[in-house]
Amino acid sequence: MILITGGERAGKSDFAVKKALSCGKKRAFLATAESFDDEMRSRIDKHKKDRGDLFDTFEEPVNLEKILNKTSEYDVCVIDCMTTWLGNLFYHKIDITSEVGIFLNSLNGNEIIVTNEVGMGIIPIDTMTRKYVEELGRLNSKLASVASEVFLMVAGIAMKIK
């Protein structure tokens, strides 16, 4: 399993897709975004167009284990992204600890997982945002501990840190 992390618009998704293209012929893409507004719909459409037919695309905003059960036979499964998925759990008021545990236990080892580093700046002023940043930090740490490789993206440059 490979974890790709970094800041917003740092090239994480592009790097994940390029990495996946070298991992075999049978490729899955698990998209976690929900199209809540026009801007998000536009982003989703762009990502779909960019991937073309190079991946079997699955869209699941919450219950990732349902898709991971289907992707165990794939050479690689890109999951994009943990940041959005965790936001979906908050939005739908789903028990974070339980759902993260289910997700972690469902990993097949063939995943390339995209996430963001969001806790590297000022401590958020409100409780909800602090809780989100802390939960994402914990999730990223758990993923990094089981990943065979971890990359940090900065300004479009991938730096291997594990």
N, C-alpha and C. Protein backbone atom coordinates (compact mmCIF):
# COMPACT_ATOMS: atom_id res chain seq x y z
N MET A 1 0.85 -1.18 0.00
CA MET A 1 0.00 0.00 0.00
C MET A 1 0.89 1.23 0.00
N ILE A 2 0.46 2.22 -0.75
CA ILE A 2 1.22 3.47 -0.87
C ILE A 2 0.32 4.60 -0.39
N LEU A 3 0.89 5.49 0.42
CA LEU A 3 0.18 6.68 0.90
C LEU A 3 0.83 7.90 0.28
N ILE A 4 -0.01 8.78 -0.27
CA ILE A 4 0.46 10.03 -0.87
C ILE A 4 -0.22 11.16 -0.13
N THR A 5 0.58 12.02 0.49
CA THR A 5 0.03 13.11 1.28
C THR A 5 0.67 14.43 0.84
N GLY A 6 0.11 15.51 1.30
CA GLY A 6 0.64 16.83 0.96
C GLY A 6 -0.45 17.88 1.05
N GLY A 7 -0.12 19.06 0.66
CA GLY A 7 -1.06 20.18 0.74
C GLY A 7 -2.05 20.20 -0.41
N GLU A 8 -2.95 21.13 -0.32
CA GLU A 8 -3.99 21.32 -1.34
C GLU A 8 -3.34 21.70 -2.67
N ARG A 9 -3.81 21.05 -3.76
CA ARG A 9 -3.37 21.32 -5.13
C ARG A 9 -1.87 21.09 -5.32
N ALA A 10 -1.30 20.13 -4.57
CA ALA A 10 0.14 19.86 -4.65
C ALA A 10 0.49 18.78 -5.68
N GLY A 11 -0.52 18.22 -6.35
CA GLY A 11 -0.26 17.21 -7.37
C GLY A 11 -0.42 15.77 -6.89
N LYS A 12 -1.07 15.58 -5.77
CA LYS A 12 -1.22 14.24 -5.18
C LYS A 12 -2.01 13.29 -6.08
N SER A 13 -3.14 13.74 -6.57
CA SER A 13 -3.98 12.86 -7.40
C SER A 13 -3.30 12.49 -8.70
N ASP A 14 -2.67 13.46 -9.36
CA ASP A 14 -1.96 13.17 -10.60
C ASP A 14 -0.84 12.16 -10.36
N PHE A 15 -0.10 12.35 -9.27
CA PHE A 15 0.99 11.43 -8.93
C PHE A 15 0.44 10.03 -8.66
N ALA A 16 -0.68 9.95 -7.95
CA ALA A 16 -1.29 8.65 -7.64
C ALA A 16 -1.71 7.93 -8.91
N VAL A 17 -2.33 8.65 -9.83
CA VAL A 17 -2.77 8.05 -11.10
C VAL A 17 -1.57 7.57 -11.90
N LYS A 18 -0.53 8.40 -12.00
CA LYS A 18 0.67 7.99 -12.75
C LYS A 18 1.32 6.76 -12.13
N LYS A 19 1.37 6.73 -10.81
CA LYS A 19 1.95 5.58 -10.10
C LYS A 19 1.11 4.34 -10.38
N ALA A 20 -0.20 4.48 -10.36
CA ALA A 20 -1.10 3.34 -10.58
C ALA A 20 -0.96 2.78 -12.00
N LEU A 21 -0.70 3.64 -12.96
CA LEU A 21 -0.58 3.20 -14.35
C LEU A 21 0.59 2.24 -14.54
N SER A 22 1.55 2.27 -13.61
CA SER A 22 2.70 1.36 -13.71
C SER A 22 2.52 0.11 -12.85
N CYS A 23 1.34 -0.05 -12.27
CA CYS A 23 1.11 -1.16 -11.33
C CYS A 23 0.32 -2.32 -11.92
N GLY A 24 0.11 -2.35 -13.19
CA GLY A 24 -0.64 -3.45 -13.79
C GLY A 24 -1.74 -2.95 -14.69
N LYS A 25 -2.46 -3.88 -15.27
CA LYS A 25 -3.49 -3.55 -16.25
C LYS A 25 -4.88 -3.40 -15.64
N LYS A 26 -5.14 -4.12 -14.55
CA LYS A 26 -6.47 -4.08 -13.95
C LYS A 26 -6.46 -3.06 -12.82
N ARG A 27 -7.02 -1.87 -13.10
CA ARG A 27 -6.92 -0.74 -12.17
C ARG A 27 -8.30 -0.25 -11.76
N ALA A 28 -8.44 0.02 -10.47
CA ALA A 28 -9.68 0.58 -9.94
C ALA A 28 -9.39 1.98 -9.39
N PHE A 29 -10.42 2.80 -9.41
CA PHE A 29 -10.33 4.14 -8.83
C PHE A 29 -11.55 4.32 -7.93
N LEU A 30 -11.31 4.53 -6.65
CA LEU A 30 -12.38 4.72 -5.67
C LEU A 30 -12.44 6.21 -5.34
N ALA A 31 -13.48 6.86 -5.83
CA ALA A 31 -13.67 8.30 -5.64
C ALA A 31 -14.61 8.52 -4.46
N THR A 32 -14.21 9.37 -3.53
CA THR A 32 -14.99 9.60 -2.32
C THR A 32 -15.81 10.89 -2.34
N ALA A 33 -15.61 11.72 -3.37
CA ALA A 33 -16.26 13.03 -3.39
C ALA A 33 -17.76 12.93 -3.67
N GLU A 34 -18.51 13.80 -3.04
CA GLU A 34 -19.93 13.97 -3.33
C GLU A 34 -20.10 15.34 -3.98
N SER A 35 -20.96 15.42 -4.96
CA SER A 35 -21.14 16.68 -5.69
C SER A 35 -22.18 17.55 -5.00
N PHE A 36 -21.76 18.21 -3.93
CA PHE A 36 -22.65 19.06 -3.16
C PHE A 36 -22.94 20.39 -3.85
N ASP A 37 -22.05 20.81 -4.75
CA ASP A 37 -22.25 22.10 -5.41
C ASP A 37 -21.63 22.07 -6.81
N ASP A 38 -21.81 23.14 -7.57
CA ASP A 38 -21.33 23.20 -8.95
C ASP A 38 -19.81 23.07 -9.04
N GLU A 39 -19.11 23.70 -8.12
CA GLU A 39 -17.64 23.65 -8.14
C GLU A 39 -17.17 22.22 -7.96
N MET A 40 -17.77 21.47 -7.02
CA MET A 40 -17.36 20.08 -6.79
C MET A 40 -17.76 19.20 -7.98
N ARG A 41 -18.92 19.45 -8.56
CA ARG A 41 -19.33 18.69 -9.75
C ARG A 41 -18.32 18.90 -10.89
N SER A 42 -17.86 20.12 -11.04
CA SER A 42 -16.88 20.43 -12.07
C SER A 42 -15.56 19.70 -11.81
N ARG A 43 -15.12 19.68 -10.57
CA ARG A 43 -13.89 18.96 -10.21
C ARG A 43 -14.02 17.47 -10.50
N ILE A 44 -15.16 16.90 -10.09
CA ILE A 44 -15.40 15.47 -10.30
C ILE A 44 -15.38 15.15 -11.80
N ASP A 45 -16.07 15.97 -12.59
CA ASP A 45 -16.11 15.76 -14.04
C ASP A 45 -14.72 15.84 -14.66
N LYS A 46 -13.91 16.79 -14.21
CA LYS A 46 -12.55 16.93 -14.73
C LYS A 46 -11.73 15.69 -14.41
N HIS A 47 -11.81 15.21 -13.17
CA HIS A 47 -11.06 14.01 -12.77
C HIS A 47 -11.48 12.80 -13.61
N LYS A 48 -12.78 12.64 -13.82
CA LYS A 48 -13.28 11.52 -14.63
C LYS A 48 -12.73 11.61 -16.06
N LYS A 49 -12.79 12.80 -16.63
CA LYS A 49 -12.31 13.00 -18.00
C LYS A 49 -10.81 12.70 -18.08
N ASP A 50 -10.05 13.18 -17.08
CA ASP A 50 -8.60 12.97 -17.08
C ASP A 50 -8.24 11.48 -17.01
N ARG A 51 -9.01 10.69 -16.25
CA ARG A 51 -8.74 9.25 -16.11
C ARG A 51 -9.18 8.46 -17.34
N GLY A 52 -10.18 8.97 -18.03
CA GLY A 52 -10.71 8.27 -19.20
C GLY A 52 -11.13 6.85 -18.84
N ASP A 53 -10.76 5.90 -19.69
CA ASP A 53 -11.13 4.51 -19.44
C ASP A 53 -9.96 3.69 -18.92
N LEU A 54 -8.99 4.36 -18.30
CA LEU A 54 -7.81 3.68 -17.76
C LEU A 54 -8.09 2.96 -16.45
N PHE A 55 -9.22 3.29 -15.82
CA PHE A 55 -9.59 2.72 -14.52
C PHE A 55 -11.06 2.32 -14.54
N ASP A 56 -11.40 1.30 -13.76
CA ASP A 56 -12.79 1.07 -13.41
C ASP A 56 -13.08 1.99 -12.24
N THR A 57 -14.01 2.91 -12.40
CA THR A 57 -14.27 3.91 -11.37
C THR A 57 -15.45 3.50 -10.52
N PHE A 58 -15.25 3.60 -9.20
CA PHE A 58 -16.30 3.35 -8.21
C PHE A 58 -16.46 4.64 -7.41
N GLU A 59 -17.68 5.06 -7.20
CA GLU A 59 -17.94 6.25 -6.40
C GLU A 59 -18.65 5.83 -5.12
N GLU A 60 -18.01 6.13 -3.99
CA GLU A 60 -18.60 5.80 -2.69
C GLU A 60 -18.11 6.83 -1.67
N PRO A 61 -19.02 7.66 -1.16
CA PRO A 61 -18.62 8.72 -0.25
C PRO A 61 -18.43 8.30 1.20
N VAL A 62 -18.96 7.14 1.61
CA VAL A 62 -18.93 6.78 3.03
C VAL A 62 -18.41 5.36 3.27
N ASN A 63 -19.10 4.38 2.76
CA ASN A 63 -18.81 2.98 3.07
C ASN A 63 -17.77 2.39 2.12
N LEU A 64 -16.52 2.78 2.32
CA LEU A 64 -15.45 2.37 1.42
C LEU A 64 -15.23 0.87 1.43
N GLU A 65 -15.54 0.20 2.53
CA GLU A 65 -15.33 -1.25 2.62
C GLU A 65 -16.15 -2.00 1.57
N LYS A 66 -17.30 -1.47 1.20
CA LYS A 66 -18.12 -2.12 0.17
C LYS A 66 -17.37 -2.21 -1.16
N ILE A 67 -16.65 -1.16 -1.49
CA ILE A 67 -15.90 -1.14 -2.74
C ILE A 67 -14.60 -1.93 -2.59
N LEU A 68 -13.95 -1.82 -1.44
CA LEU A 68 -12.69 -2.55 -1.25
C LEU A 68 -12.91 -4.06 -1.33
N ASN A 69 -14.08 -4.52 -0.96
CA ASN A 69 -14.40 -5.94 -1.12
C ASN A 69 -14.39 -6.33 -2.59
N LYS A 70 -14.71 -5.41 -3.48
CA LYS A 70 -14.76 -5.67 -4.92
C LYS A 70 -13.40 -5.49 -5.59
N THR A 71 -12.49 -4.74 -4.96
CA THR A 71 -11.24 -4.38 -5.64
C THR A 71 -10.05 -5.24 -5.22
N SER A 72 -10.28 -6.26 -4.42
CA SER A 72 -9.16 -7.10 -3.98
C SER A 72 -8.50 -7.84 -5.14
N GLU A 73 -9.23 -8.07 -6.21
CA GLU A 73 -8.68 -8.78 -7.38
C GLU A 73 -8.00 -7.84 -8.38
N TYR A 74 -8.03 -6.55 -8.11
CA TYR A 74 -7.39 -5.58 -9.00
C TYR A 74 -5.89 -5.51 -8.69
N ASP A 75 -5.12 -5.12 -9.70
CA ASP A 75 -3.68 -4.92 -9.50
C ASP A 75 -3.44 -3.73 -8.58
N VAL A 76 -4.28 -2.71 -8.70
CA VAL A 76 -4.13 -1.50 -7.91
C VAL A 76 -5.49 -0.82 -7.77
N CYS A 77 -5.67 -0.14 -6.65
CA CYS A 77 -6.88 0.65 -6.41
C CYS A 77 -6.48 2.00 -5.83
N VAL A 78 -6.69 3.05 -6.60
CA VAL A 78 -6.43 4.41 -6.11
C VAL A 78 -7.64 4.84 -5.30
N ILE A 79 -7.41 5.33 -4.09
CA ILE A 79 -8.48 5.89 -3.27
C ILE A 79 -8.21 7.39 -3.14
N ASP A 80 -9.15 8.18 -3.65
CA ASP A 80 -8.96 9.63 -3.69
C ASP A 80 -10.22 10.30 -3.16
N CYS A 81 -10.28 10.84 -1.99
CA CYS A 81 -9.20 10.90 -1.03
C CYS A 81 -9.73 10.79 0.40
N MET A 82 -8.82 10.57 1.33
CA MET A 82 -9.17 10.43 2.74
C MET A 82 -9.71 11.72 3.32
N THR A 83 -9.20 12.83 2.85
CA THR A 83 -9.62 14.14 3.35
C THR A 83 -11.11 14.37 3.09
N THR A 84 -11.52 14.08 1.88
CA THR A 84 -12.92 14.22 1.50
C THR A 84 -13.78 13.18 2.22
N TRP A 85 -13.29 11.93 2.27
CA TRP A 85 -14.03 10.86 2.94
C TRP A 85 -14.31 11.21 4.40
N LEU A 86 -13.28 11.68 5.11
CA LEU A 86 -13.48 12.04 6.51
C LEU A 86 -14.48 13.18 6.64
N GLY A 87 -14.42 14.16 5.74
CA GLY A 87 -15.40 15.24 5.73
C GLY A 87 -16.81 14.70 5.53
N ASN A 88 -16.95 13.69 4.67
CA ASN A 88 -18.26 13.06 4.45
C ASN A 88 -18.77 12.41 5.73
N LEU A 89 -17.88 11.76 6.46
CA LEU A 89 -18.29 11.13 7.73
C LEU A 89 -18.79 12.18 8.71
N PHE A 90 -18.09 13.30 8.77
CA PHE A 90 -18.54 14.40 9.64
C PHE A 90 -19.89 14.91 9.17
N TYR A 91 -20.02 15.16 7.88
CA TYR A 91 -21.25 15.71 7.32
C TYR A 91 -22.45 14.81 7.59
N HIS A 92 -22.28 13.52 7.43
CA HIS A 92 -23.38 12.57 7.62
C HIS A 92 -23.52 12.10 9.08
N LYS A 93 -22.67 12.68 9.96
CA LYS A 93 -22.71 12.39 11.40
C LYS A 93 -22.56 10.89 11.68
N ILE A 94 -21.55 10.31 11.05
CA ILE A 94 -21.25 8.88 11.20
C ILE A 94 -20.13 8.74 12.22
N ASP A 95 -20.19 7.71 13.04
CA ASP A 95 -19.18 7.46 14.07
C ASP A 95 -17.81 7.28 13.41
N ILE A 96 -16.92 8.23 13.65
CA ILE A 96 -15.61 8.26 12.99
C ILE A 96 -14.77 7.05 13.39
N THR A 97 -14.65 6.80 14.68
CA THR A 97 -13.80 5.72 15.16
C THR A 97 -14.22 4.38 14.57
N SER A 98 -15.50 4.12 14.58
CA SER A 98 -16.01 2.86 14.04
C SER A 98 -15.75 2.74 12.55
N GLU A 99 -16.08 3.78 11.80
CA GLU A 99 -15.94 3.72 10.34
C GLU A 99 -14.48 3.65 9.91
N VAL A 100 -13.59 4.36 10.61
CA VAL A 100 -12.16 4.28 10.30
C VAL A 100 -11.65 2.87 10.57
N GLY A 101 -12.08 2.27 11.67
CA GLY A 101 -11.69 0.89 11.98
C GLY A 101 -12.13 -0.09 10.91
N ILE A 102 -13.37 0.06 10.46
CA ILE A 102 -13.90 -0.81 9.39
C ILE A 102 -13.06 -0.62 8.12
N PHE A 103 -12.78 0.63 7.79
CA PHE A 103 -11.98 0.92 6.59
C PHE A 103 -10.59 0.29 6.68
N LEU A 104 -9.90 0.52 7.80
CA LEU A 104 -8.55 -0.01 7.94
C LEU A 104 -8.52 -1.53 7.85
N ASN A 105 -9.52 -2.18 8.40
CA ASN A 105 -9.60 -3.64 8.36
C ASN A 105 -9.98 -4.16 6.97
N SER A 106 -10.44 -3.29 6.09
CA SER A 106 -10.86 -3.69 4.75
C SER A 106 -9.77 -3.51 3.70
N LEU A 107 -8.67 -2.90 4.06
CA LEU A 107 -7.60 -2.65 3.09
C LEU A 107 -7.04 -3.96 2.57
N ASN A 108 -6.79 -4.01 1.26
CA ASN A 108 -6.27 -5.21 0.61
C ASN A 108 -4.76 -5.21 0.45
N GLY A 109 -4.15 -4.03 0.54
CA GLY A 109 -2.71 -3.92 0.33
C GLY A 109 -2.35 -3.49 -1.08
N ASN A 110 -3.33 -3.40 -1.96
CA ASN A 110 -3.08 -2.98 -3.34
C ASN A 110 -3.46 -1.51 -3.58
N GLU A 111 -3.67 -0.77 -2.52
CA GLU A 111 -4.18 0.60 -2.63
C GLU A 111 -3.06 1.63 -2.77
N ILE A 112 -3.38 2.68 -3.50
CA ILE A 112 -2.62 3.93 -3.48
C ILE A 112 -3.60 4.95 -2.92
N ILE A 113 -3.32 5.43 -1.73
CA ILE A 113 -4.27 6.28 -1.01
C ILE A 113 -3.79 7.73 -0.99
N VAL A 114 -4.68 8.63 -1.37
CA VAL A 114 -4.40 10.06 -1.39
C VAL A 114 -5.03 10.70 -0.15
N THR A 115 -4.28 11.57 0.49
CA THR A 115 -4.79 12.30 1.65
C THR A 115 -4.12 13.67 1.70
N ASN A 116 -4.55 14.53 2.59
CA ASN A 116 -3.98 15.86 2.75
C ASN A 116 -3.33 16.00 4.12
N GLU A 117 -2.35 16.85 4.18
CA GLU A 117 -1.78 17.28 5.45
C GLU A 117 -2.44 18.62 5.77
N VAL A 118 -3.32 18.63 6.75
CA VAL A 118 -4.05 19.86 7.04
C VAL A 118 -3.68 20.48 8.38
N GLY A 119 -2.92 19.81 9.20
CA GLY A 119 -2.62 20.30 10.54
C GLY A 119 -1.25 20.90 10.69
N MET A 120 -0.73 21.51 9.63
CA MET A 120 0.64 22.02 9.68
C MET A 120 0.69 23.53 9.89
N GLY A 121 -0.44 24.13 10.19
CA GLY A 121 -0.47 25.59 10.34
C GLY A 121 -1.07 26.00 11.66
N ILE A 122 -1.84 27.03 11.61
CA ILE A 122 -2.47 27.60 12.79
C ILE A 122 -3.53 26.63 13.32
N ILE A 123 -3.64 26.53 14.63
CA ILE A 123 -4.66 25.70 15.25
C ILE A 123 -6.02 26.35 14.97
N PRO A 124 -6.96 25.59 14.42
CA PRO A 124 -8.27 26.17 14.08
C PRO A 124 -8.99 26.75 15.30
N ILE A 125 -9.76 27.79 15.06
CA ILE A 125 -10.43 28.49 16.15
C ILE A 125 -11.66 27.74 16.67
N ASP A 126 -12.33 26.95 15.79
CA ASP A 126 -13.57 26.32 16.25
C ASP A 126 -13.36 24.83 16.54
N THR A 127 -14.20 24.31 17.40
CA THR A 127 -14.10 22.93 17.88
C THR A 127 -14.24 21.92 16.76
N MET A 128 -15.20 22.11 15.87
CA MET A 128 -15.44 21.15 14.80
C MET A 128 -14.22 21.01 13.89
N THR A 129 -13.63 22.14 13.51
CA THR A 129 -12.47 22.10 12.62
C THR A 129 -11.27 21.47 13.33
N ARG A 130 -11.08 21.80 14.62
CA ARG A 130 -9.99 21.17 15.38
C ARG A 130 -10.17 19.67 15.43
N LYS A 131 -11.40 19.21 15.67
CA LYS A 131 -11.67 17.77 15.72
C LYS A 131 -11.37 17.13 14.38
N TYR A 132 -11.78 17.78 13.29
CA TYR A 132 -11.52 17.25 11.95
C TYR A 132 -10.01 17.11 11.71
N VAL A 133 -9.26 18.18 11.98
CA VAL A 133 -7.81 18.17 11.77
C VAL A 133 -7.16 17.06 12.59
N GLU A 134 -7.59 16.91 13.83
CA GLU A 134 -7.03 15.87 14.71
C GLU A 134 -7.36 14.47 14.19
N GLU A 135 -8.60 14.26 13.75
CA GLU A 135 -9.00 12.95 13.24
C GLU A 135 -8.25 12.60 11.96
N LEU A 136 -8.08 13.58 11.07
CA LEU A 136 -7.35 13.32 9.83
C LEU A 136 -5.88 13.02 10.15
N GLY A 137 -5.31 13.73 11.09
CA GLY A 137 -3.93 13.46 11.50
C GLY A 137 -3.77 12.04 12.03
N ARG A 138 -4.72 11.60 12.85
CA ARG A 138 -4.68 10.23 13.37
C ARG A 138 -4.81 9.20 12.24
N LEU A 139 -5.77 9.44 11.34
CA LEU A 139 -5.97 8.53 10.21
C LEU A 139 -4.71 8.47 9.35
N ASN A 140 -4.13 9.61 9.03
CA ASN A 140 -2.91 9.63 8.23
C ASN A 140 -1.78 8.87 8.91
N SER A 141 -1.65 9.03 10.22
CA SER A 141 -0.61 8.31 10.97
C SER A 141 -0.81 6.81 10.90
N LYS A 142 -2.07 6.37 11.05
CA LYS A 142 -2.36 4.94 10.98
C LYS A 142 -2.04 4.40 9.59
N LEU A 143 -2.44 5.13 8.57
CA LEU A 143 -2.17 4.70 7.20
C LEU A 143 -0.68 4.66 6.92
N ALA A 144 0.05 5.67 7.36
CA ALA A 144 1.50 5.71 7.14
C ALA A 144 2.21 4.56 7.84
N SER A 145 1.70 4.15 8.99
CA SER A 145 2.36 3.07 9.73
C SER A 145 2.23 1.73 9.02
N VAL A 146 1.17 1.53 8.24
CA VAL A 146 1.00 0.25 7.53
C VAL A 146 1.40 0.33 6.05
N ALA A 147 1.65 1.51 5.56
CA ALA A 147 2.02 1.68 4.15
C ALA A 147 3.45 1.18 3.91
N SER A 148 3.66 0.60 2.75
CA SER A 148 5.02 0.19 2.39
C SER A 148 5.83 1.39 1.89
N GLU A 149 5.13 2.38 1.32
CA GLU A 149 5.77 3.60 0.86
C GLU A 149 4.88 4.79 1.21
N VAL A 150 5.52 5.91 1.55
CA VAL A 150 4.79 7.16 1.81
C VAL A 150 5.50 8.27 1.05
N PHE A 151 4.71 9.05 0.32
CA PHE A 151 5.24 10.19 -0.43
C PHE A 151 4.60 11.47 0.08
N LEU A 152 5.41 12.51 0.20
CA LEU A 152 4.92 13.86 0.53
C LEU A 152 5.07 14.70 -0.72
N MET A 153 3.95 15.26 -1.18
CA MET A 153 3.95 16.12 -2.36
C MET A 153 4.07 17.58 -1.92
N VAL A 154 5.03 18.28 -2.50
CA VAL A 154 5.22 19.71 -2.25
C VAL A 154 5.44 20.38 -3.60
N ALA A 155 4.56 21.30 -3.95
CA ALA A 155 4.69 22.07 -5.19
C ALA A 155 4.86 21.16 -6.41
N GLY A 156 4.11 20.06 -6.44
CA GLY A 156 4.16 19.14 -7.57
C GLY A 156 5.34 18.18 -7.56
N ILE A 157 6.13 18.22 -6.51
CA ILE A 157 7.30 17.34 -6.42
C ILE A 157 7.04 16.29 -5.36
N ALA A 158 7.25 15.02 -5.74
CA ALA A 158 7.06 13.91 -4.81
C ALA A 158 8.36 13.62 -4.07
N MET A 159 8.27 13.61 -2.75
CA MET A 159 9.43 13.26 -1.92
C MET A 159 9.08 11.98 -1.17
N LYS A 160 9.87 10.94 -1.38
CA LYS A 160 9.63 9.68 -0.69
C LYS A 160 10.11 9.82 0.74
N ILE A 161 9.20 9.62 1.71
CA ILE A 161 9.59 9.74 3.12
C ILE A 161 9.56 8.41 3.85
N LYS A 162 9.08 7.38 3.17
CA LYS A 162 9.13 6.01 3.74
C LYS A 162 9.20 5.04 2.59
